[in-house]
Amino acid sequence: MGLTNRKPIKGVKKGDSITTKKLKEHNLLRDSPLTKTVRSWKVESVKISDVSLTKKKKIIAKQKTVIVLTNGKGEKLKRTRTFWIN
């Protein structure tokens, strides 16, 4: 799971619901015991920040979007995060 094959999900806002299937289709999550048990996630936060990448000795400025996903309540709260390069 590299940086180049991650596809952004357009129009994601705080409070939206995203399925695990959609995250896997966009190469944002891998198969794991957590993703096999949890089917839907709620977006807790969306953060966009600047990042510098190197490409053949050149430094390229891009934007990175990080989303924090949660599922459950109280002690059963599960949290994961994922990102993509804009």
N, C-alpha and C. Protein backbone atom coordinates (compact mmCIF):
# COMPACT_ATOMS: atom_id res chain seq x y z
N MET A 1 0.85 -1.15 0.00
CA MET A 1 0.00 0.00 0.00
C MET A 1 0.91 1.23 0.00
N GLY A 2 1.19 1.74 -1.19
CA GLY A 2 2.06 2.90 -1.31
C GLY A 2 1.26 4.19 -1.39
N LEU A 3 1.98 5.25 -1.63
CA LEU A 3 1.33 6.55 -1.73
C LEU A 3 0.62 6.74 -3.06
N THR A 4 1.13 6.11 -4.11
CA THR A 4 0.62 6.40 -5.45
C THR A 4 -0.71 5.74 -5.76
N ASN A 5 -1.03 4.61 -5.16
CA ASN A 5 -2.27 3.91 -5.50
C ASN A 5 -3.45 4.24 -4.59
N ARG A 6 -3.30 5.21 -3.70
CA ARG A 6 -4.40 5.64 -2.83
C ARG A 6 -5.26 6.64 -3.58
N LYS A 7 -6.56 6.41 -3.60
CA LYS A 7 -7.47 7.31 -4.30
C LYS A 7 -8.24 8.15 -3.29
N PRO A 8 -8.31 9.45 -3.48
CA PRO A 8 -9.05 10.29 -2.53
C PRO A 8 -10.56 10.06 -2.60
N ILE A 9 -11.22 10.21 -1.47
CA ILE A 9 -12.67 10.17 -1.42
C ILE A 9 -13.13 11.62 -1.39
N LYS A 10 -13.84 12.04 -2.40
CA LYS A 10 -14.22 13.44 -2.53
C LYS A 10 -15.43 13.76 -1.65
N GLY A 11 -15.42 14.95 -1.09
CA GLY A 11 -16.55 15.44 -0.32
C GLY A 11 -16.71 14.85 1.06
N VAL A 12 -15.63 14.38 1.68
CA VAL A 12 -15.71 13.81 3.02
C VAL A 12 -15.73 14.95 4.04
N LYS A 13 -16.71 14.90 4.94
CA LYS A 13 -16.84 15.90 5.99
C LYS A 13 -16.95 15.20 7.34
N LYS A 14 -16.76 15.97 8.40
CA LYS A 14 -16.90 15.43 9.76
C LYS A 14 -18.34 14.98 9.96
N GLY A 15 -18.52 13.78 10.50
CA GLY A 15 -19.85 13.24 10.76
C GLY A 15 -20.37 12.32 9.67
N ASP A 16 -19.69 12.26 8.52
CA ASP A 16 -20.12 11.37 7.43
C ASP A 16 -19.88 9.91 7.82
N SER A 17 -20.61 9.01 7.19
CA SER A 17 -20.44 7.59 7.39
C SER A 17 -19.81 6.98 6.14
N ILE A 18 -18.78 6.16 6.33
CA ILE A 18 -18.06 5.52 5.23
C ILE A 18 -17.99 4.03 5.52
N THR A 19 -18.23 3.21 4.50
CA THR A 19 -18.16 1.76 4.68
C THR A 19 -16.73 1.28 4.50
N THR A 20 -16.44 0.14 5.11
CA THR A 20 -15.13 -0.48 4.97
C THR A 20 -14.87 -0.87 3.53
N LYS A 21 -15.93 -1.30 2.84
CA LYS A 21 -15.80 -1.69 1.43
C LYS A 21 -15.31 -0.52 0.58
N LYS A 22 -15.85 0.66 0.81
CA LYS A 22 -15.44 1.84 0.04
C LYS A 22 -13.99 2.21 0.35
N LEU A 23 -13.59 2.11 1.62
CA LEU A 23 -12.21 2.40 1.98
C LEU A 23 -11.24 1.42 1.33
N LYS A 24 -11.62 0.15 1.25
CA LYS A 24 -10.77 -0.85 0.60
C LYS A 24 -10.71 -0.64 -0.91
N GLU A 25 -11.83 -0.21 -1.52
CA GLU A 25 -11.83 0.06 -2.96
C GLU A 25 -10.89 1.20 -3.32
N HIS A 26 -10.75 2.17 -2.41
CA HIS A 26 -9.87 3.32 -2.64
C HIS A 26 -8.46 3.07 -2.11
N ASN A 27 -8.16 1.84 -1.69
CA ASN A 27 -6.85 1.43 -1.17
C ASN A 27 -6.42 2.25 0.04
N LEU A 28 -7.38 2.58 0.91
CA LEU A 28 -7.08 3.34 2.12
C LEU A 28 -6.99 2.46 3.36
N LEU A 29 -7.48 1.24 3.30
CA LEU A 29 -7.37 0.27 4.40
C LEU A 29 -6.96 -1.09 3.85
N ARG A 30 -6.31 -1.89 4.69
CA ARG A 30 -5.94 -3.26 4.33
C ARG A 30 -6.89 -4.24 5.01
N ASP A 31 -6.80 -5.49 4.60
CA ASP A 31 -7.54 -6.54 5.31
C ASP A 31 -6.89 -6.76 6.67
N SER A 32 -7.69 -6.75 7.71
CA SER A 32 -7.21 -7.00 9.06
C SER A 32 -8.40 -7.51 9.88
N PRO A 33 -8.15 -8.07 11.05
CA PRO A 33 -9.27 -8.50 11.89
C PRO A 33 -10.22 -7.35 12.23
N LEU A 34 -9.70 -6.14 12.38
CA LEU A 34 -10.54 -4.98 12.68
C LEU A 34 -11.47 -4.66 11.51
N THR A 35 -10.95 -4.66 10.30
CA THR A 35 -11.78 -4.32 9.14
C THR A 35 -12.76 -5.43 8.79
N LYS A 36 -12.50 -6.64 9.24
CA LYS A 36 -13.44 -7.73 8.99
C LYS A 36 -14.64 -7.67 9.93
N THR A 37 -14.46 -7.10 11.12
CA THR A 37 -15.58 -7.03 12.08
C THR A 37 -16.36 -5.73 11.97
N VAL A 38 -15.70 -4.64 11.59
CA VAL A 38 -16.36 -3.33 11.52
C VAL A 38 -16.75 -3.06 10.07
N ARG A 39 -18.03 -2.79 9.84
CA ARG A 39 -18.53 -2.57 8.48
C ARG A 39 -18.66 -1.09 8.11
N SER A 40 -18.94 -0.23 9.08
CA SER A 40 -19.10 1.19 8.76
C SER A 40 -18.36 2.04 9.79
N TRP A 41 -17.88 3.18 9.35
CA TRP A 41 -17.10 4.09 10.17
C TRP A 41 -17.72 5.47 10.11
N LYS A 42 -17.55 6.25 11.17
CA LYS A 42 -17.94 7.67 11.18
C LYS A 42 -16.67 8.50 11.15
N VAL A 43 -16.69 9.57 10.37
CA VAL A 43 -15.55 10.46 10.26
C VAL A 43 -15.53 11.36 11.48
N GLU A 44 -14.46 11.26 12.27
CA GLU A 44 -14.33 12.07 13.49
C GLU A 44 -13.67 13.41 13.17
N SER A 45 -12.66 13.40 12.31
CA SER A 45 -12.00 14.65 11.94
C SER A 45 -11.36 14.52 10.57
N VAL A 46 -11.25 15.65 9.90
CA VAL A 46 -10.58 15.75 8.59
C VAL A 46 -9.56 16.88 8.71
N LYS A 47 -8.30 16.54 8.43
CA LYS A 47 -7.24 17.53 8.56
C LYS A 47 -6.41 17.56 7.28
N ILE A 48 -6.24 18.73 6.71
CA ILE A 48 -5.43 18.90 5.51
C ILE A 48 -4.17 19.67 5.88
N SER A 49 -3.02 19.13 5.50
CA SER A 49 -1.76 19.78 5.82
C SER A 49 -0.80 19.68 4.63
N ASP A 50 0.20 20.54 4.62
CA ASP A 50 1.20 20.53 3.56
C ASP A 50 2.29 19.53 3.90
N VAL A 51 2.83 18.88 2.85
CA VAL A 51 3.88 17.89 3.03
C VAL A 51 4.85 18.02 1.86
N SER A 52 6.12 17.74 2.11
CA SER A 52 7.14 17.78 1.05
C SER A 52 7.52 16.35 0.68
N LEU A 53 7.49 16.05 -0.61
CA LEU A 53 7.86 14.74 -1.12
C LEU A 53 9.07 14.89 -2.03
N THR A 54 9.91 13.86 -2.09
CA THR A 54 11.04 13.88 -3.02
C THR A 54 10.74 12.97 -4.18
N LYS A 55 11.07 13.46 -5.37
CA LYS A 55 10.86 12.68 -6.58
C LYS A 55 12.06 12.91 -7.49
N LYS A 56 12.94 11.94 -7.58
CA LYS A 56 14.16 12.03 -8.39
C LYS A 56 14.96 13.29 -8.06
N LYS A 57 15.30 13.42 -6.81
CA LYS A 57 16.11 14.52 -6.27
C LYS A 57 15.42 15.89 -6.32
N LYS A 58 14.14 15.93 -6.65
CA LYS A 58 13.37 17.18 -6.60
C LYS A 58 12.46 17.12 -5.39
N ILE A 59 12.26 18.25 -4.77
CA ILE A 59 11.33 18.34 -3.65
C ILE A 59 10.03 18.95 -4.18
N ILE A 60 8.96 18.23 -3.97
CA ILE A 60 7.65 18.64 -4.46
C ILE A 60 6.74 18.90 -3.27
N ALA A 61 6.05 20.02 -3.28
CA ALA A 61 5.10 20.36 -2.21
C ALA A 61 3.71 19.87 -2.61
N LYS A 62 3.09 19.07 -1.75
CA LYS A 62 1.75 18.55 -1.98
C LYS A 62 0.93 18.74 -0.71
N GLN A 63 -0.35 18.42 -0.80
CA GLN A 63 -1.22 18.45 0.37
C GLN A 63 -1.61 17.03 0.75
N LYS A 64 -1.66 16.79 2.06
CA LYS A 64 -2.03 15.49 2.59
C LYS A 64 -3.32 15.65 3.38
N THR A 65 -4.29 14.76 3.14
CA THR A 65 -5.54 14.76 3.88
C THR A 65 -5.54 13.55 4.82
N VAL A 66 -5.72 13.80 6.10
CA VAL A 66 -5.77 12.74 7.11
C VAL A 66 -7.18 12.71 7.67
N ILE A 67 -7.82 11.52 7.66
CA ILE A 67 -9.13 11.38 8.27
C ILE A 67 -9.04 10.38 9.42
N VAL A 68 -9.69 10.71 10.52
CA VAL A 68 -9.77 9.83 11.69
C VAL A 68 -11.17 9.22 11.69
N LEU A 69 -11.22 7.88 11.75
CA LEU A 69 -12.48 7.15 11.68
C LEU A 69 -12.74 6.45 13.01
N THR A 70 -13.99 6.47 13.47
CA THR A 70 -14.36 5.80 14.72
C THR A 70 -15.57 4.93 14.50
N ASN A 71 -15.72 3.94 15.39
CA ASN A 71 -16.87 3.07 15.39
C ASN A 71 -17.09 2.60 16.81
N GLY A 72 -18.34 2.63 17.29
CA GLY A 72 -18.67 2.15 18.62
C GLY A 72 -18.79 3.28 19.63
N LYS A 73 -19.08 2.89 20.88
CA LYS A 73 -19.25 3.86 21.96
C LYS A 73 -18.55 3.36 23.21
N GLY A 74 -18.16 4.30 24.05
CA GLY A 74 -17.59 3.97 25.36
C GLY A 74 -16.33 3.14 25.28
N GLU A 75 -16.32 2.02 26.02
CA GLU A 75 -15.15 1.15 26.04
C GLU A 75 -14.97 0.38 24.73
N LYS A 76 -16.03 0.24 23.96
CA LYS A 76 -15.96 -0.51 22.71
C LYS A 76 -15.61 0.37 21.51
N LEU A 77 -15.16 1.60 21.79
CA LEU A 77 -14.80 2.53 20.72
C LEU A 77 -13.56 2.04 19.99
N LYS A 78 -13.67 1.93 18.67
CA LYS A 78 -12.54 1.56 17.83
C LYS A 78 -12.19 2.76 16.98
N ARG A 79 -10.91 3.03 16.83
CA ARG A 79 -10.47 4.21 16.09
C ARG A 79 -9.34 3.81 15.13
N THR A 80 -9.40 4.33 13.94
CA THR A 80 -8.32 4.16 12.97
C THR A 80 -8.19 5.44 12.18
N ARG A 81 -7.09 5.58 11.49
CA ARG A 81 -6.93 6.75 10.64
C ARG A 81 -6.27 6.35 9.34
N THR A 82 -6.48 7.14 8.33
CA THR A 82 -5.91 6.89 7.02
C THR A 82 -5.67 8.24 6.35
N PHE A 83 -4.92 8.21 5.26
CA PHE A 83 -4.57 9.45 4.57
C PHE A 83 -4.44 9.22 3.08
N TRP A 84 -4.43 10.32 2.34
CA TRP A 84 -4.09 10.29 0.93
C TRP A 84 -3.44 11.61 0.57
N ILE A 85 -2.71 11.58 -0.57
CA ILE A 85 -2.04 12.78 -1.07
C ILE A 85 -2.93 13.40 -2.13
N ASN A 86 -3.24 14.69 -1.99
CA ASN A 86 -4.08 15.39 -2.96
C ASN A 86 -3.30 15.68 -4.24
